[in-house]
Amino acid sequence: MDAIQLAPRVPPCAGPIPELQIPMINTMVRYLESEHRKMDEHVLQLALAATRLSRDPSELAAKARVLDVWDEIRHELWSHLQIEDELVFGWGRTHQAISPPLLDTLKVERQEMRALLATLPELPSVEG
């Protein structure tokens, strides 16, 4: 069994968080939580529409709904990644709130997600 290598414990920030930044941080967290809930709803809508479509592959309304939700997911995921990168990771880097090895790992993962997202096909609209 391989030994699990734990990251050294680092303080959450290089210093105390200035009082004026706390409301901004709370706002960022609430915003990102709402974005995650919205993405969860889109995935659920996509699953429901795909289920309808699997029952009747010729149903145009189900096809249109799948395509609409898919397009919303693609668009919102791209902007969500940009927001997280700029707000969360940018702030974490500046305030040394996220360890450099973790930031490096996250950077690679984000690049992979963007590459995958860029390869996802833009689906044609349904002709009625």
N, C-alpha and C. Protein backbone atom coordinates (compact mmCIF):
# COMPACT_ATOMS: atom_id res chain seq x y z
N MET A 1 0.84 -1.18 0.00
CA MET A 1 0.00 0.00 0.00
C MET A 1 0.89 1.24 0.00
N ASP A 2 0.63 2.17 -0.91
CA ASP A 2 1.43 3.39 -0.98
C ASP A 2 1.09 4.31 0.17
N ALA A 3 2.11 4.97 0.67
CA ALA A 3 1.89 5.94 1.74
C ALA A 3 1.29 7.20 1.13
N ILE A 4 0.34 7.75 1.82
CA ILE A 4 -0.27 9.00 1.37
C ILE A 4 0.61 10.15 1.82
N GLN A 5 0.98 10.97 0.87
CA GLN A 5 1.85 12.09 1.19
C GLN A 5 0.97 13.31 1.47
N LEU A 6 1.02 13.76 2.71
CA LEU A 6 0.21 14.90 3.10
C LEU A 6 0.97 16.19 2.85
N ALA A 7 0.24 17.18 2.41
CA ALA A 7 0.84 18.49 2.21
C ALA A 7 1.15 19.10 3.58
N PRO A 8 2.23 19.83 3.67
CA PRO A 8 2.53 20.46 4.95
C PRO A 8 1.43 21.45 5.30
N ARG A 9 1.15 21.55 6.58
CA ARG A 9 0.12 22.49 7.01
C ARG A 9 0.65 23.91 6.85
N VAL A 10 -0.11 24.68 6.13
CA VAL A 10 0.23 26.08 5.94
C VAL A 10 -0.88 26.92 6.52
N PRO A 11 -0.52 28.06 7.07
CA PRO A 11 -1.59 28.91 7.59
C PRO A 11 -2.52 29.31 6.46
N PRO A 12 -3.82 29.51 6.76
CA PRO A 12 -4.79 29.81 5.70
C PRO A 12 -4.47 31.07 4.92
N CYS A 13 -3.80 32.01 5.52
CA CYS A 13 -3.41 33.23 4.83
C CYS A 13 -2.07 33.67 5.39
N ALA A 14 -1.39 34.50 4.62
CA ALA A 14 -0.10 35.00 5.07
C ALA A 14 -0.27 35.91 6.28
N GLY A 15 -1.42 36.45 6.45
CA GLY A 15 -1.70 37.33 7.58
C GLY A 15 -3.20 37.44 7.76
N PRO A 16 -3.61 38.23 8.73
CA PRO A 16 -5.06 38.37 8.93
C PRO A 16 -5.73 39.03 7.72
N ILE A 17 -6.95 38.63 7.49
CA ILE A 17 -7.72 39.21 6.38
C ILE A 17 -8.21 40.59 6.81
N PRO A 18 -7.93 41.60 5.99
CA PRO A 18 -8.43 42.93 6.33
C PRO A 18 -9.95 42.93 6.46
N GLU A 19 -10.45 43.63 7.45
CA GLU A 19 -11.88 43.66 7.76
C GLU A 19 -12.72 44.06 6.53
N LEU A 20 -12.20 44.96 5.71
CA LEU A 20 -12.96 45.41 4.55
C LEU A 20 -13.13 44.32 3.48
N GLN A 21 -12.26 43.31 3.49
CA GLN A 21 -12.34 42.26 2.47
C GLN A 21 -13.34 41.17 2.82
N ILE A 22 -13.71 41.05 4.07
CA ILE A 22 -14.61 39.97 4.48
C ILE A 22 -15.96 40.02 3.77
N PRO A 23 -16.62 41.18 3.68
CA PRO A 23 -17.89 41.21 2.92
C PRO A 23 -17.69 40.81 1.45
N MET A 24 -16.57 41.22 0.86
CA MET A 24 -16.31 40.86 -0.54
C MET A 24 -16.13 39.35 -0.67
N ILE A 25 -15.42 38.74 0.25
CA ILE A 25 -15.21 37.29 0.21
C ILE A 25 -16.54 36.58 0.38
N ASN A 26 -17.35 37.02 1.33
CA ASN A 26 -18.66 36.41 1.53
C ASN A 26 -19.53 36.53 0.29
N THR A 27 -19.47 37.66 -0.37
CA THR A 27 -20.24 37.87 -1.60
C THR A 27 -19.76 36.92 -2.70
N MET A 28 -18.45 36.77 -2.84
CA MET A 28 -17.90 35.85 -3.84
C MET A 28 -18.37 34.42 -3.57
N VAL A 29 -18.32 34.01 -2.31
CA VAL A 29 -18.71 32.64 -1.96
C VAL A 29 -20.20 32.43 -2.25
N ARG A 30 -21.04 33.39 -1.87
CA ARG A 30 -22.48 33.26 -2.14
C ARG A 30 -22.76 33.21 -3.64
N TYR A 31 -22.06 34.04 -4.39
CA TYR A 31 -22.24 34.06 -5.84
C TYR A 31 -21.85 32.71 -6.45
N LEU A 32 -20.70 32.20 -6.06
CA LEU A 32 -20.25 30.92 -6.62
C LEU A 32 -21.16 29.77 -6.18
N GLU A 33 -21.68 29.83 -4.97
CA GLU A 33 -22.66 28.82 -4.53
C GLU A 33 -23.90 28.85 -5.41
N SER A 34 -24.37 30.06 -5.72
CA SER A 34 -25.56 30.16 -6.57
C SER A 34 -25.26 29.66 -7.99
N GLU A 35 -24.04 29.90 -8.47
CA GLU A 35 -23.64 29.40 -9.78
C GLU A 35 -23.60 27.87 -9.78
N HIS A 36 -23.10 27.28 -8.70
CA HIS A 36 -23.05 25.82 -8.61
C HIS A 36 -24.46 25.24 -8.57
N ARG A 37 -25.37 25.89 -7.83
CA ARG A 37 -26.75 25.41 -7.79
C ARG A 37 -27.39 25.50 -9.18
N LYS A 38 -27.11 26.59 -9.88
CA LYS A 38 -27.66 26.76 -11.23
C LYS A 38 -27.14 25.66 -12.16
N MET A 39 -25.86 25.32 -12.03
CA MET A 39 -25.30 24.26 -12.86
C MET A 39 -25.93 22.92 -12.51
N ASP A 40 -26.15 22.68 -11.22
CA ASP A 40 -26.84 21.45 -10.80
C ASP A 40 -28.22 21.36 -11.45
N GLU A 41 -28.94 22.48 -11.48
CA GLU A 41 -30.27 22.51 -12.09
C GLU A 41 -30.19 22.21 -13.59
N HIS A 42 -29.18 22.77 -14.25
CA HIS A 42 -29.01 22.51 -15.69
C HIS A 42 -28.73 21.04 -15.95
N VAL A 43 -27.88 20.44 -15.13
CA VAL A 43 -27.57 19.02 -15.31
C VAL A 43 -28.82 18.18 -15.11
N LEU A 44 -29.63 18.54 -14.11
CA LEU A 44 -30.88 17.82 -13.88
C LEU A 44 -31.83 17.99 -15.07
N GLN A 45 -31.95 19.21 -15.57
CA GLN A 45 -32.80 19.45 -16.73
C GLN A 45 -32.33 18.66 -17.94
N LEU A 46 -31.00 18.60 -18.12
CA LEU A 46 -30.45 17.83 -19.24
C LEU A 46 -30.77 16.35 -19.08
N ALA A 47 -30.65 15.83 -17.87
CA ALA A 47 -30.96 14.42 -17.62
C ALA A 47 -32.43 14.13 -17.89
N LEU A 48 -33.31 15.03 -17.46
CA LEU A 48 -34.74 14.84 -17.69
C LEU A 48 -35.08 14.87 -19.18
N ALA A 49 -34.50 15.84 -19.87
CA ALA A 49 -34.77 15.95 -21.31
C ALA A 49 -34.20 14.75 -22.07
N ALA A 50 -33.02 14.30 -21.66
CA ALA A 50 -32.42 13.13 -22.30
C ALA A 50 -33.25 11.87 -22.05
N THR A 51 -33.83 11.77 -20.85
CA THR A 51 -34.71 10.64 -20.55
C THR A 51 -35.93 10.65 -21.45
N ARG A 52 -36.54 11.84 -21.61
CA ARG A 52 -37.69 11.95 -22.53
C ARG A 52 -37.28 11.57 -23.94
N LEU A 53 -36.11 12.04 -24.34
CA LEU A 53 -35.63 11.78 -25.69
C LEU A 53 -35.33 10.29 -25.90
N SER A 54 -34.85 9.62 -24.86
CA SER A 54 -34.56 8.19 -25.00
C SER A 54 -35.84 7.37 -25.19
N ARG A 55 -36.95 7.87 -24.63
CA ARG A 55 -38.24 7.18 -24.82
C ARG A 55 -38.75 7.34 -26.24
N ASP A 56 -38.52 8.53 -26.81
CA ASP A 56 -39.00 8.80 -28.17
C ASP A 56 -37.97 9.68 -28.87
N PRO A 57 -36.99 9.06 -29.55
CA PRO A 57 -35.92 9.82 -30.20
C PRO A 57 -36.37 10.81 -31.27
N SER A 58 -37.61 10.70 -31.71
CA SER A 58 -38.09 11.62 -32.75
C SER A 58 -38.82 12.83 -32.16
N GLU A 59 -38.95 12.89 -30.85
CA GLU A 59 -39.69 13.99 -30.23
C GLU A 59 -38.89 15.29 -30.34
N LEU A 60 -39.40 16.21 -31.14
CA LEU A 60 -38.68 17.46 -31.41
C LEU A 60 -38.56 18.35 -30.17
N ALA A 61 -39.59 18.40 -29.33
CA ALA A 61 -39.52 19.24 -28.14
C ALA A 61 -38.41 18.77 -27.20
N ALA A 62 -38.27 17.46 -27.04
CA ALA A 62 -37.21 16.92 -26.18
C ALA A 62 -35.84 17.19 -26.78
N LYS A 63 -35.71 17.03 -28.10
CA LYS A 63 -34.44 17.34 -28.77
C LYS A 63 -34.07 18.80 -28.57
N ALA A 64 -35.04 19.68 -28.75
CA ALA A 64 -34.79 21.12 -28.61
C ALA A 64 -34.37 21.44 -27.18
N ARG A 65 -35.01 20.82 -26.20
CA ARG A 65 -34.68 21.08 -24.80
C ARG A 65 -33.27 20.60 -24.48
N VAL A 66 -32.90 19.43 -24.97
CA VAL A 66 -31.54 18.92 -24.75
C VAL A 66 -30.52 19.90 -25.32
N LEU A 67 -30.76 20.35 -26.54
CA LEU A 67 -29.82 21.27 -27.19
C LEU A 67 -29.75 22.61 -26.46
N ASP A 68 -30.89 23.12 -26.01
CA ASP A 68 -30.90 24.39 -25.28
C ASP A 68 -30.13 24.29 -23.97
N VAL A 69 -30.41 23.24 -23.22
CA VAL A 69 -29.73 23.08 -21.92
C VAL A 69 -28.24 22.84 -22.13
N TRP A 70 -27.90 22.03 -23.12
CA TRP A 70 -26.49 21.78 -23.43
C TRP A 70 -25.76 23.09 -23.73
N ASP A 71 -26.39 23.95 -24.51
CA ASP A 71 -25.78 25.23 -24.85
C ASP A 71 -25.62 26.10 -23.61
N GLU A 72 -26.62 26.11 -22.73
CA GLU A 72 -26.53 26.88 -21.48
C GLU A 72 -25.38 26.37 -20.62
N ILE A 73 -25.24 25.06 -20.52
CA ILE A 73 -24.15 24.49 -19.72
C ILE A 73 -22.80 24.90 -20.28
N ARG A 74 -22.62 24.75 -21.57
CA ARG A 74 -21.33 25.11 -22.20
C ARG A 74 -20.99 26.57 -21.94
N HIS A 75 -21.95 27.45 -22.15
CA HIS A 75 -21.71 28.88 -21.98
C HIS A 75 -21.42 29.23 -20.52
N GLU A 76 -22.25 28.74 -19.62
CA GLU A 76 -22.11 29.10 -18.21
C GLU A 76 -20.87 28.47 -17.57
N LEU A 77 -20.52 27.27 -18.00
CA LEU A 77 -19.33 26.64 -17.43
C LEU A 77 -18.07 27.41 -17.80
N TRP A 78 -17.99 27.87 -19.03
CA TRP A 78 -16.82 28.63 -19.47
C TRP A 78 -16.68 29.91 -18.64
N SER A 79 -17.76 30.66 -18.50
CA SER A 79 -17.67 31.91 -17.73
C SER A 79 -17.44 31.63 -16.25
N HIS A 80 -18.02 30.53 -15.74
CA HIS A 80 -17.82 30.17 -14.34
C HIS A 80 -16.35 29.88 -14.06
N LEU A 81 -15.70 29.17 -14.96
CA LEU A 81 -14.28 28.89 -14.79
C LEU A 81 -13.46 30.18 -14.77
N GLN A 82 -13.81 31.11 -15.63
CA GLN A 82 -13.10 32.39 -15.66
C GLN A 82 -13.29 33.16 -14.36
N ILE A 83 -14.51 33.17 -13.85
CA ILE A 83 -14.79 33.88 -12.59
C ILE A 83 -14.03 33.24 -11.44
N GLU A 84 -14.07 31.92 -11.35
CA GLU A 84 -13.33 31.25 -10.28
C GLU A 84 -11.84 31.53 -10.38
N ASP A 85 -11.30 31.47 -11.59
CA ASP A 85 -9.88 31.72 -11.76
C ASP A 85 -9.49 33.13 -11.29
N GLU A 86 -10.26 34.10 -11.73
CA GLU A 86 -9.91 35.48 -11.40
C GLU A 86 -10.18 35.82 -9.93
N LEU A 87 -11.36 35.48 -9.47
CA LEU A 87 -11.72 35.87 -8.10
C LEU A 87 -11.10 34.97 -7.04
N VAL A 88 -11.35 33.70 -7.13
CA VAL A 88 -10.93 32.79 -6.07
C VAL A 88 -9.43 32.54 -6.12
N PHE A 89 -8.95 32.06 -7.26
CA PHE A 89 -7.54 31.70 -7.32
C PHE A 89 -6.64 32.93 -7.34
N GLY A 90 -7.10 33.99 -8.00
CA GLY A 90 -6.32 35.22 -7.98
C GLY A 90 -6.18 35.78 -6.56
N TRP A 91 -7.31 35.80 -5.84
CA TRP A 91 -7.27 36.28 -4.45
C TRP A 91 -6.44 35.34 -3.58
N GLY A 92 -6.63 34.04 -3.76
CA GLY A 92 -5.88 33.06 -2.97
C GLY A 92 -4.38 33.16 -3.19
N ARG A 93 -3.99 33.39 -4.43
CA ARG A 93 -2.57 33.55 -4.74
C ARG A 93 -2.02 34.82 -4.12
N THR A 94 -2.73 35.92 -4.30
CA THR A 94 -2.28 37.21 -3.78
C THR A 94 -2.14 37.19 -2.27
N HIS A 95 -3.07 36.54 -1.59
CA HIS A 95 -3.07 36.53 -0.12
C HIS A 95 -2.43 35.27 0.47
N GLN A 96 -1.81 34.49 -0.40
CA GLN A 96 -1.16 33.25 0.03
C GLN A 96 -2.10 32.38 0.84
N ALA A 97 -3.37 32.35 0.42
CA ALA A 97 -4.39 31.57 1.11
C ALA A 97 -4.49 30.16 0.54
N ILE A 98 -3.87 29.93 -0.61
CA ILE A 98 -3.86 28.61 -1.23
C ILE A 98 -2.39 28.28 -1.48
N SER A 99 -1.98 27.10 -1.05
CA SER A 99 -0.57 26.73 -1.17
C SER A 99 -0.14 26.68 -2.64
N PRO A 100 1.10 27.06 -2.94
CA PRO A 100 1.58 27.03 -4.33
C PRO A 100 1.44 25.65 -4.99
N PRO A 101 1.74 24.53 -4.30
CA PRO A 101 1.53 23.23 -4.99
C PRO A 101 0.06 23.00 -5.36
N LEU A 102 -0.85 23.39 -4.48
CA LEU A 102 -2.27 23.23 -4.79
C LEU A 102 -2.67 24.13 -5.94
N LEU A 103 -2.17 25.37 -5.95
CA LEU A 103 -2.46 26.28 -7.08
C LEU A 103 -1.95 25.69 -8.39
N ASP A 104 -0.75 25.08 -8.36
CA ASP A 104 -0.20 24.47 -9.58
C ASP A 104 -1.09 23.33 -10.06
N THR A 105 -1.54 22.49 -9.13
CA THR A 105 -2.42 21.37 -9.48
C THR A 105 -3.73 21.88 -10.06
N LEU A 106 -4.31 22.89 -9.41
CA LEU A 106 -5.57 23.45 -9.88
C LEU A 106 -5.40 24.09 -11.26
N LYS A 107 -4.27 24.73 -11.48
CA LYS A 107 -4.01 25.36 -12.78
C LYS A 107 -4.00 24.31 -13.89
N VAL A 108 -3.34 23.19 -13.65
CA VAL A 108 -3.29 22.12 -14.65
C VAL A 108 -4.69 21.56 -14.88
N GLU A 109 -5.44 21.32 -13.80
CA GLU A 109 -6.80 20.80 -13.94
C GLU A 109 -7.68 21.76 -14.72
N ARG A 110 -7.55 23.05 -14.44
CA ARG A 110 -8.36 24.04 -15.14
C ARG A 110 -8.02 24.08 -16.62
N GLN A 111 -6.74 23.97 -16.94
CA GLN A 111 -6.34 23.95 -18.35
C GLN A 111 -6.93 22.73 -19.05
N GLU A 112 -6.93 21.59 -18.37
CA GLU A 112 -7.52 20.38 -18.94
C GLU A 112 -9.03 20.56 -19.14
N MET A 113 -9.71 21.17 -18.16
CA MET A 113 -11.15 21.40 -18.30
C MET A 113 -11.44 22.33 -19.47
N ARG A 114 -10.66 23.38 -19.60
CA ARG A 114 -10.86 24.31 -20.72
C ARG A 114 -10.63 23.62 -22.06
N ALA A 115 -9.60 22.79 -22.12
CA ALA A 115 -9.31 22.07 -23.37
C ALA A 115 -10.47 21.14 -23.71
N LEU A 116 -10.98 20.42 -22.72
CA LEU A 116 -12.13 19.54 -22.96
C LEU A 116 -13.36 20.34 -23.36
N LEU A 117 -13.60 21.44 -22.67
CA LEU A 117 -14.77 22.26 -22.97
C LEU A 117 -14.68 22.82 -24.38
N ALA A 118 -13.48 23.19 -24.81
CA ALA A 118 -13.30 23.73 -26.16
C ALA A 118 -13.55 22.67 -27.22
N THR A 119 -13.36 21.39 -26.88
CA THR A 119 -13.57 20.33 -27.87
C THR A 119 -15.02 19.86 -27.94
N LEU A 120 -15.84 20.26 -26.96
CA LEU A 120 -17.24 19.84 -26.99
C LEU A 120 -17.91 20.45 -28.20
N PRO A 121 -18.64 19.64 -28.92
CA PRO A 121 -19.26 20.15 -30.15
C PRO A 121 -20.39 21.12 -29.85
N GLU A 122 -20.51 22.09 -30.73
CA GLU A 122 -21.68 22.95 -30.68
C GLU A 122 -22.75 22.22 -31.49
N LEU A 123 -23.81 21.87 -30.82
CA LEU A 123 -24.83 21.04 -31.47
C LEU A 123 -25.75 21.90 -32.34
N PRO A 124 -26.17 21.37 -33.47
CA PRO A 124 -27.07 22.13 -34.36
C PRO A 124 -28.46 22.27 -33.73
N SER A 125 -29.13 23.30 -34.11
CA SER A 125 -30.49 23.49 -33.59
C SER A 125 -31.44 22.51 -34.27
N VAL A 126 -32.57 22.30 -33.61
CA VAL A 126 -33.58 21.36 -34.13
C VAL A 126 -34.46 22.11 -35.13
N GLU A 127 -34.60 21.53 -36.29
CA GLU A 127 -35.50 22.11 -37.31
C GLU A 127 -36.91 21.60 -37.03
N GLY A 128 -37.84 22.49 -36.88
CA GLY A 128 -39.21 22.09 -36.56
C GLY A 128 -40.01 21.89 -37.71
